Protein backbone atom coordinates (compact mmCIF):
# COMPACT_ATOMS: atom_id res chain seq x y z
CA MET A 1 -26.32 -13.80 -41.65
CA ASN A 2 -24.81 -10.53 -42.79
CA LYS A 3 -21.17 -10.51 -41.69
CA PRO A 4 -19.44 -7.34 -40.42
CA LEU A 5 -17.24 -5.50 -42.89
CA ALA A 6 -14.11 -6.50 -40.95
CA GLU A 7 -15.00 -10.17 -41.48
CA LYS A 8 -15.84 -9.71 -45.15
CA LEU A 9 -12.49 -8.07 -45.86
CA ARG A 10 -10.40 -10.40 -43.71
CA PRO A 11 -7.33 -11.50 -45.75
CA GLU A 12 -7.04 -15.21 -46.56
CA SER A 13 -3.38 -15.30 -47.59
CA LEU A 14 -0.10 -13.67 -46.64
CA SER A 15 -0.05 -11.80 -49.95
CA ASP A 16 -3.23 -9.95 -48.91
CA PHE A 17 -2.18 -9.43 -45.29
CA VAL A 18 -1.46 -5.80 -44.38
CA GLY A 19 1.20 -4.85 -41.85
CA GLN A 20 3.65 -6.86 -39.70
CA GLU A 21 6.31 -6.90 -42.43
CA HIS A 22 8.85 -8.10 -39.86
CA LEU A 23 6.79 -11.30 -39.61
CA VAL A 24 5.33 -11.88 -43.06
CA GLY A 25 7.83 -10.07 -45.30
CA LYS A 26 10.49 -11.76 -47.38
CA ASN A 27 12.58 -12.90 -44.41
CA GLY A 28 9.84 -12.68 -41.80
CA ILE A 29 9.69 -15.51 -39.29
CA ILE A 30 6.12 -16.54 -40.15
CA LYS A 31 6.93 -16.72 -43.84
CA VAL A 32 10.11 -18.73 -43.15
CA LEU A 33 8.33 -21.12 -40.78
CA LEU A 34 5.57 -21.76 -43.31
CA LYS A 35 8.12 -22.34 -46.07
CA ASN A 36 10.04 -24.83 -43.93
CA ALA A 37 6.80 -26.53 -42.85
CA SER A 38 5.98 -27.30 -46.47
CA LYS A 39 9.08 -29.53 -46.50
CA SER A 40 9.31 -30.87 -42.98
CA GLY A 41 5.68 -30.75 -41.88
CA PHE A 42 6.76 -29.12 -38.61
CA PHE A 43 5.28 -25.86 -37.35
CA PRO A 44 5.77 -24.67 -33.75
CA SER A 45 3.18 -23.50 -31.26
CA LEU A 46 3.12 -19.71 -30.96
CA ILE A 47 1.97 -16.92 -28.69
CA PHE A 48 0.92 -13.78 -30.59
CA TRP A 49 1.47 -10.68 -28.46
CA GLY A 50 0.15 -7.43 -29.90
CA PRO A 51 -2.40 -4.63 -29.63
CA PRO A 52 -6.05 -5.01 -30.68
CA GLY A 53 -6.70 -5.00 -34.41
CA SER A 54 -3.11 -5.80 -35.38
CA GLY A 55 -3.99 -9.04 -37.19
CA LYS A 56 -3.52 -11.82 -34.62
CA THR A 57 -6.66 -13.78 -35.46
CA THR A 58 -6.26 -13.25 -39.20
CA LEU A 59 -2.67 -14.45 -39.13
CA ALA A 60 -3.66 -17.58 -37.20
CA ARG A 61 -6.32 -18.41 -39.80
CA ILE A 62 -3.88 -17.85 -42.66
CA ILE A 63 -1.33 -20.14 -41.03
CA ALA A 64 -3.89 -22.93 -40.67
CA LYS A 65 -5.06 -22.50 -44.27
CA THR A 66 -1.49 -22.46 -45.63
CA LEU A 67 -0.61 -25.58 -43.63
CA LYS A 68 -3.88 -27.20 -44.79
CA ARG A 69 -4.68 -28.13 -41.20
CA GLU A 70 -7.99 -28.28 -39.35
CA PHE A 71 -8.60 -24.98 -37.55
CA TYR A 72 -10.38 -24.58 -34.22
CA GLU A 73 -10.97 -21.12 -32.83
CA PHE A 74 -11.79 -20.30 -29.21
CA SER A 75 -11.93 -17.27 -26.96
CA ALA A 76 -10.73 -17.65 -23.39
CA VAL A 77 -13.42 -15.16 -22.36
CA ASN A 78 -16.32 -17.56 -22.95
CA THR A 79 -14.69 -20.98 -23.32
CA SER A 80 -13.61 -23.41 -20.61
CA SER A 81 -10.50 -25.54 -20.87
CA LYS A 82 -12.77 -28.61 -20.72
CA GLU A 83 -14.48 -27.57 -23.97
CA ILE A 84 -11.10 -27.23 -25.66
CA GLU A 85 -9.97 -30.64 -24.35
CA LYS A 86 -13.10 -32.27 -25.80
CA VAL A 87 -12.28 -30.86 -29.23
CA ILE A 88 -8.63 -31.91 -28.93
CA LYS A 89 -9.61 -35.51 -28.12
CA LYS A 90 -11.72 -35.61 -31.28
CA THR A 91 -8.69 -34.56 -33.33
CA PHE A 92 -6.53 -37.50 -32.23
CA GLN A 93 -7.78 -39.42 -35.25
CA LEU A 94 -6.47 -36.75 -37.61
CA PHE A 95 -3.31 -37.54 -39.55
CA GLU A 96 -1.77 -34.12 -38.81
CA ALA A 97 -2.01 -31.88 -35.74
CA PRO A 98 -4.72 -29.24 -36.06
CA VAL A 99 -4.24 -25.55 -35.33
CA VAL A 100 -6.00 -24.56 -32.10
CA PHE A 101 -6.32 -20.81 -31.76
CA ILE A 102 -7.18 -19.33 -28.33
CA ASP A 103 -7.88 -15.62 -28.34
CA GLU A 104 -7.14 -13.68 -25.13
CA VAL A 105 -5.27 -16.68 -23.76
CA HIS A 106 -4.13 -14.53 -20.81
CA ARG A 107 -7.69 -14.82 -19.46
CA PHE A 108 -7.06 -18.49 -18.67
CA ASN A 109 -5.81 -19.04 -15.13
CA LYS A 110 -2.75 -21.15 -14.28
CA ALA A 111 -4.70 -24.39 -13.95
CA GLN A 112 -6.42 -23.87 -17.31
CA GLN A 113 -3.12 -23.11 -19.03
CA ASP A 114 -1.56 -26.17 -17.37
CA LYS A 115 -4.10 -28.40 -19.11
CA LEU A 116 -2.82 -27.27 -22.50
CA LEU A 117 0.78 -28.30 -21.72
CA PRO A 118 0.68 -32.05 -22.49
CA HIS A 119 -1.08 -31.49 -25.81
CA VAL A 120 1.47 -28.88 -26.89
CA GLU A 121 4.39 -30.98 -25.64
CA ARG A 122 3.28 -34.13 -27.46
CA GLY A 123 2.51 -32.20 -30.62
CA ASP A 124 -1.17 -33.18 -30.55
CA ILE A 125 -1.98 -29.62 -31.56
CA ILE A 126 -0.33 -26.50 -32.91
CA LEU A 127 -1.37 -23.97 -30.30
CA ILE A 128 -1.60 -20.33 -31.28
CA GLY A 129 -2.49 -18.14 -28.34
CA ALA A 130 -3.27 -14.45 -28.79
CA THR A 131 -2.90 -11.83 -26.10
CA THR A 132 -2.76 -8.07 -25.70
CA GLU A 133 -0.99 -8.52 -22.35
CA ASN A 134 2.69 -9.18 -21.71
CA PRO A 135 3.08 -12.97 -21.92
CA SER A 136 6.03 -12.80 -19.52
CA PHE A 137 3.50 -12.05 -16.78
CA GLU A 138 0.24 -13.53 -18.10
CA VAL A 139 1.33 -16.87 -19.60
CA ILE A 140 2.80 -19.56 -17.33
CA GLY A 141 6.50 -20.34 -17.70
CA PRO A 142 6.11 -23.98 -18.80
CA LEU A 143 3.78 -22.95 -21.63
CA LEU A 144 6.08 -20.10 -22.65
CA SER A 145 9.01 -22.51 -22.85
CA ARG A 146 7.06 -24.75 -25.23
CA THR A 147 5.96 -21.94 -27.53
CA ARG A 148 7.55 -19.06 -29.35
CA VAL A 149 6.43 -15.51 -28.62
CA ILE A 150 5.69 -13.50 -31.76
CA VAL A 151 5.35 -9.75 -31.27
CA LEU A 152 2.87 -7.91 -33.51
CA LYS A 153 3.13 -4.14 -33.83
CA ARG A 154 0.52 -1.43 -33.87
CA LEU A 155 -0.47 -0.76 -37.49
CA GLU A 156 1.07 2.33 -39.07
CA ASP A 157 -1.04 5.05 -40.68
CA ASN A 158 -0.03 4.01 -44.20
CA GLU A 159 -1.06 0.43 -43.44
CA LEU A 160 -4.43 1.58 -42.12
CA GLU A 161 -4.83 3.68 -45.26
CA SER A 162 -4.26 0.58 -47.38
CA ILE A 163 -7.05 -1.22 -45.48
CA PHE A 164 -9.21 1.89 -45.76
CA LYS A 165 -8.86 1.93 -49.55
CA LYS A 166 -9.99 -1.69 -49.81
CA ALA A 167 -12.96 -0.93 -47.59
CA ILE A 168 -14.26 2.10 -49.50
CA LYS A 169 -13.83 0.22 -52.77
CA TYR A 170 -15.92 -2.63 -51.35
CA LEU A 171 -18.58 -0.25 -49.96
CA LYS A 172 -18.50 1.88 -53.11
CA VAL A 173 -18.46 5.07 -51.10
CA LYS A 174 -16.43 8.27 -51.22
CA VAL A 175 -14.82 9.77 -48.13
CA GLU A 176 -13.55 13.33 -47.76
CA SER A 177 -9.79 13.59 -47.26
CA LYS A 178 -10.13 15.23 -43.83
CA ALA A 179 -12.61 12.56 -42.76
CA LYS A 180 -10.21 9.82 -43.87
CA ASN A 181 -7.33 11.33 -41.89
CA PHE A 182 -9.56 11.79 -38.85
CA LEU A 183 -10.71 8.17 -39.06
CA ILE A 184 -7.15 6.86 -39.33
CA ASP A 185 -5.97 8.99 -36.39
CA SER A 186 -8.96 7.91 -34.30
CA SER A 187 -8.41 4.22 -35.04
CA ASN A 188 -5.22 4.14 -32.93
CA GLY A 189 -3.55 1.54 -35.11
CA ASP A 190 -6.54 -0.81 -34.84
CA ALA A 191 -7.79 -2.10 -38.20
CA ARG A 192 -10.96 -3.48 -36.65
CA VAL A 193 -11.91 -0.09 -35.21
CA LEU A 194 -11.28 1.56 -38.58
CA LEU A 195 -13.50 -0.90 -40.45
CA ASN A 196 -16.26 -0.93 -37.84
CA VAL A 197 -16.47 2.86 -37.65
CA LEU A 198 -16.41 3.17 -41.43
CA GLU A 199 -19.20 0.61 -41.75
CA ILE A 200 -21.34 2.38 -39.14
CA ALA A 201 -20.75 5.76 -40.79
CA PHE A 202 -21.73 4.26 -44.15
CA ASN A 203 -24.97 2.88 -42.72
CA ILE A 204 -26.13 5.97 -40.82
CA THR A 205 -26.05 8.40 -43.72
CA ASN A 206 -27.71 8.72 -47.09
CA ASP A 207 -25.02 11.10 -48.33
CA SER A 208 -22.89 9.95 -51.25
CA THR A 209 -19.73 11.18 -49.55
CA LEU A 210 -18.74 10.63 -45.92
CA ALA A 211 -17.57 13.73 -44.03
CA ILE A 212 -15.98 14.21 -40.61
CA LYS A 213 -19.42 14.63 -39.01
CA HIS A 214 -20.35 11.10 -40.11
CA ILE A 215 -17.13 9.64 -38.69
CA GLU A 216 -17.59 11.55 -35.42
CA SER A 217 -21.14 10.25 -35.13
CA ALA A 218 -20.03 6.66 -35.75
CA LEU A 219 -17.18 6.93 -33.24
CA GLN A 220 -19.46 7.67 -30.29
CA ARG A 221 -19.05 4.99 -27.68
CA ARG A 222 -22.08 5.96 -25.65
CA GLN A 223 -24.44 8.84 -25.12
CA LEU A 224 -25.16 10.39 -21.77
CA THR A 225 -28.93 10.38 -22.06
CA PHE A 226 -29.72 10.70 -18.38
CA ASP A 227 -30.16 13.94 -16.38
CA ARG A 228 -30.61 12.98 -12.77
CA GLN A 229 -31.22 16.41 -11.27
CA GLY A 230 -32.05 18.72 -14.15
CA ASP A 231 -30.23 21.60 -15.84
CA GLU A 232 -30.49 23.77 -12.74
CA PHE A 233 -28.24 21.38 -10.82
CA TYR A 234 -25.49 21.50 -13.43
CA ASN A 235 -25.86 25.24 -13.97
CA THR A 236 -25.49 25.99 -10.26
CA ILE A 237 -22.39 23.84 -9.69
CA SER A 238 -20.90 25.38 -12.83
CA ALA A 239 -21.61 28.88 -11.52
CA PHE A 240 -20.00 27.92 -8.20
CA ILE A 241 -16.78 26.66 -9.83
CA LYS A 242 -16.53 29.62 -12.23
CA SER A 243 -17.03 32.09 -9.39
CA MET A 244 -14.17 30.52 -7.42
CA ARG A 245 -12.01 30.57 -10.55
CA ALA A 246 -12.73 34.30 -10.99
CA SER A 247 -11.84 34.90 -7.30
CA ASN A 248 -15.36 36.30 -6.75
CA VAL A 249 -15.90 35.20 -3.17
CA ASP A 250 -19.41 36.66 -2.76
CA ALA A 251 -20.77 34.91 -5.83
CA ALA A 252 -19.07 31.63 -4.84
CA LEU A 253 -20.63 31.72 -1.36
CA TYR A 254 -24.06 32.56 -2.83
CA TYR A 255 -24.03 29.58 -5.19
CA LEU A 256 -22.73 27.35 -2.40
CA ALA A 257 -25.64 28.47 -0.20
CA ARG A 258 -28.14 27.70 -2.98
CA MET A 259 -26.80 24.16 -3.31
CA VAL A 260 -26.74 23.57 0.44
CA GLU A 261 -30.27 24.92 0.84
CA SER A 262 -31.56 22.66 -1.92
CA GLY A 263 -30.13 19.65 -0.08
CA GLN A 264 -27.33 18.88 -2.50
CA ASP A 265 -25.00 16.11 -1.29
CA PRO A 266 -22.16 17.87 0.58
CA LEU A 267 -19.70 15.19 -0.55
CA TYR A 268 -20.44 16.02 -4.17
CA ILE A 269 -19.70 19.70 -3.54
CA ALA A 270 -16.54 18.87 -1.58
CA ARG A 271 -15.40 16.46 -4.29
CA ARG A 272 -15.67 19.23 -6.89
CA MET A 273 -13.64 21.47 -4.60
CA VAL A 274 -10.88 18.85 -4.45
CA VAL A 275 -10.79 18.76 -8.26
CA PHE A 276 -10.77 22.57 -8.42
CA ALA A 277 -7.83 22.72 -6.00
CA SER A 278 -5.72 20.61 -8.38
CA GLU A 279 -6.88 22.26 -11.59
CA ASP A 280 -6.95 25.94 -10.70
CA VAL A 281 -4.91 26.83 -7.61
CA ALA A 282 -1.15 27.42 -7.62
CA SER A 283 -0.48 26.31 -4.03
CA PRO A 284 -0.31 22.59 -3.18
CA THR A 285 -1.73 23.59 0.22
CA ALA A 286 -5.07 24.10 -1.55
CA LEU A 287 -5.36 20.36 -2.13
CA VAL A 288 -4.70 19.73 1.58
CA VAL A 289 -7.47 22.21 2.50
CA ALA A 290 -9.94 20.75 0.00
CA ASN A 291 -9.28 17.20 1.21
CA ALA A 292 -9.77 18.35 4.81
CA VAL A 293 -13.15 19.83 3.82
CA PHE A 294 -14.13 16.54 2.15
CA GLN A 295 -13.15 14.52 5.23
CA ALA A 296 -15.04 16.91 7.51
CA CYS A 297 -18.16 16.52 5.38
CA GLN A 298 -17.81 12.75 5.61
CA GLN A 299 -17.46 12.77 9.38
CA ILE A 300 -19.90 15.52 10.34
CA GLY A 301 -22.59 15.80 7.65
CA TYR A 302 -25.32 18.43 7.51
CA PRO A 303 -26.04 20.90 8.96
CA GLU A 304 -22.64 21.58 10.57
CA CYS A 305 -20.50 20.67 7.56
CA GLN A 306 -21.88 23.64 5.63
CA GLU A 307 -19.48 25.73 7.71
CA ASN A 308 -16.57 23.57 6.52
CA LEU A 309 -17.75 24.02 2.93
CA ALA A 310 -17.98 27.78 3.39
CA ALA A 311 -14.48 28.06 4.91
CA GLY A 312 -12.99 25.95 2.13
CA THR A 313 -14.81 27.99 -0.51
CA VAL A 314 -13.41 31.27 0.81
CA TYR A 315 -9.86 29.88 0.91
CA LEU A 316 -9.97 28.43 -2.61
CA THR A 317 -11.65 31.51 -4.07
CA LEU A 318 -9.07 33.94 -2.66
CA ALA A 319 -6.06 31.72 -3.41
CA LYS A 320 -3.73 32.58 -6.30
CA LYS A 321 -4.83 30.82 -9.48
CA ASP A 322 -2.56 28.86 -11.81
CA ARG A 323 -3.87 26.38 -14.40
CA SER A 324 -0.54 25.67 -16.11
CA ALA A 325 -0.20 22.12 -14.74
CA TYR A 326 -3.79 21.28 -15.65
CA GLU A 327 -3.54 22.79 -19.13
CA ALA A 328 -0.25 20.98 -19.79
CA TYR A 329 -1.85 17.70 -18.79
CA MET A 330 -4.89 18.33 -21.01
CA LYS A 331 -2.58 18.94 -23.98
CA ALA A 332 -0.85 15.63 -23.28
CA LEU A 333 -4.25 13.95 -22.90
CA GLY A 334 -5.30 15.43 -26.23
CA ASP A 335 -2.35 13.72 -27.91
CA VAL A 336 -3.20 10.44 -26.19
CA LYS A 337 -6.77 10.61 -27.53
CA ARG A 338 -5.61 11.61 -30.98
CA PHE A 339 -2.75 9.14 -31.44
CA GLY A 340 -3.72 6.35 -29.04
CA ASN A 341 -1.09 4.03 -27.56
CA LEU A 342 1.99 5.09 -29.48
CA PRO A 343 4.95 2.71 -29.17
CA LEU A 344 7.09 3.63 -26.15
CA PRO A 345 10.82 4.25 -26.59
CA MET A 346 12.55 0.91 -26.05
CA GLN A 347 15.20 2.47 -23.79
CA ILE A 348 12.69 3.30 -21.03
CA LEU A 349 10.79 0.00 -21.05
CA ASN A 350 11.34 -2.27 -18.07
CA ALA A 351 13.04 -5.58 -18.80
CA PRO A 352 12.40 -7.84 -15.79
CA THR A 353 12.38 -11.02 -17.86
CA LYS A 354 14.85 -12.70 -20.18
CA LEU A 355 12.39 -12.53 -23.09
CA MET A 356 12.00 -8.79 -22.74
CA LYS A 357 15.75 -8.24 -22.59
CA GLU A 358 16.18 -10.27 -25.75
CA LEU A 359 13.58 -8.05 -27.43
CA GLY A 360 15.67 -4.96 -26.61
CA TYR A 361 13.68 -3.60 -23.67
CA GLY A 362 15.70 -1.09 -21.61
CA LYS A 363 18.67 -1.12 -23.97
CA GLY A 364 20.64 2.14 -23.69
CA TYR A 365 18.74 3.37 -20.62
CA GLU A 366 20.44 6.02 -18.48
CA LYS A 367 18.92 7.33 -15.26
CA TYR A 368 19.84 10.97 -15.82
CA THR A 369 19.44 11.73 -19.48
CA LYS A 370 18.53 14.82 -21.43
CA ASP A 371 17.16 12.72 -24.28
CA ASP A 372 13.58 13.31 -25.38
CA LEU A 373 11.72 10.33 -23.89
CA LEU A 374 8.43 10.88 -25.71
CA PRO A 375 7.27 8.39 -28.40
CA ASP A 376 8.88 9.01 -31.80
CA LYS A 377 5.76 10.62 -33.25
CA LEU A 378 5.73 13.24 -30.46
CA LYS A 379 9.45 14.08 -30.22
CA GLY A 380 9.92 17.77 -29.45
CA ARG A 381 6.37 18.24 -28.10
CA LYS A 382 6.16 20.78 -25.23
CA TYR A 383 3.16 20.70 -22.92
CA TYR A 384 4.21 22.56 -19.79
CA LYS A 385 5.26 26.22 -19.85
């Protein structure tokens, strides 16, 4: 079976592992624990908390290999606790406790997590659970108290670039500089996304050098290949919205009449009017009017509700237009899509649990501050004018 590129390039030792220097660097906790385990034989159960593609599974495998322990890997998505217990019982004959890795451990309910407790407590296994969710809320207290939470960080651009270089060397392919930067930005700190997209781009082109167009093509999540009502449907609703935006009341009413006459769902038209009221009209009253039109269409239906649609259309078309809030939001959304889930400033993170307080959540928070509260990479960004 031909393995994915991400699997082929998966590091097998800490020296090859990229990122998480606070864990695997000279004085990193994982490195220290492994060093001490070589003398004492003890290694604690852990919960890895970090974003996708940050190295949780890889690190678990490296730990097991370094400890020279049996390694069992499960995913809570498609594995029952009974299946894990069966495997654990088979390991009782082993001289040393095996490493049992459970990906997405937060998917296990309380009862399933409870079943892991005695095995962890007795030291039958070294449990390593991986989760993208806050373990303070998703992992039961008794299991948390018997494990240590290890926080993995989103990979930095330079770390992704290091992985990228290994990948193109393995694939023996060239990538344009702009395409490389675009790929790294689009990966959102996720090494798996970077490698998967690069592999797809490599396999869908015969060109010797990958360009941005190849990366864009590989990044597509899905294609909208259906057209339920034809181009005329989309053209008419577009003409309706653009006429209201231009404050051309006659054109807006004409296109509304065409849609009503063709039997278009009045709720669809009213729904678009609600969106328009938020995007294009300066007055908050416009949203109240648009919602009233939508409710009237729900309660009355055709033919009478066409009068509600007409009245709402006239109001929205003649209202003063202002897209500043919408445009500011779209700029912010653009940064979200470009940079992904950037780390939030620690001072504005909630700290409802002891663990989170110890990690520095909420430290230095002031209710009324003039500090820039955007992520570090976006400090100084201005969206709204």
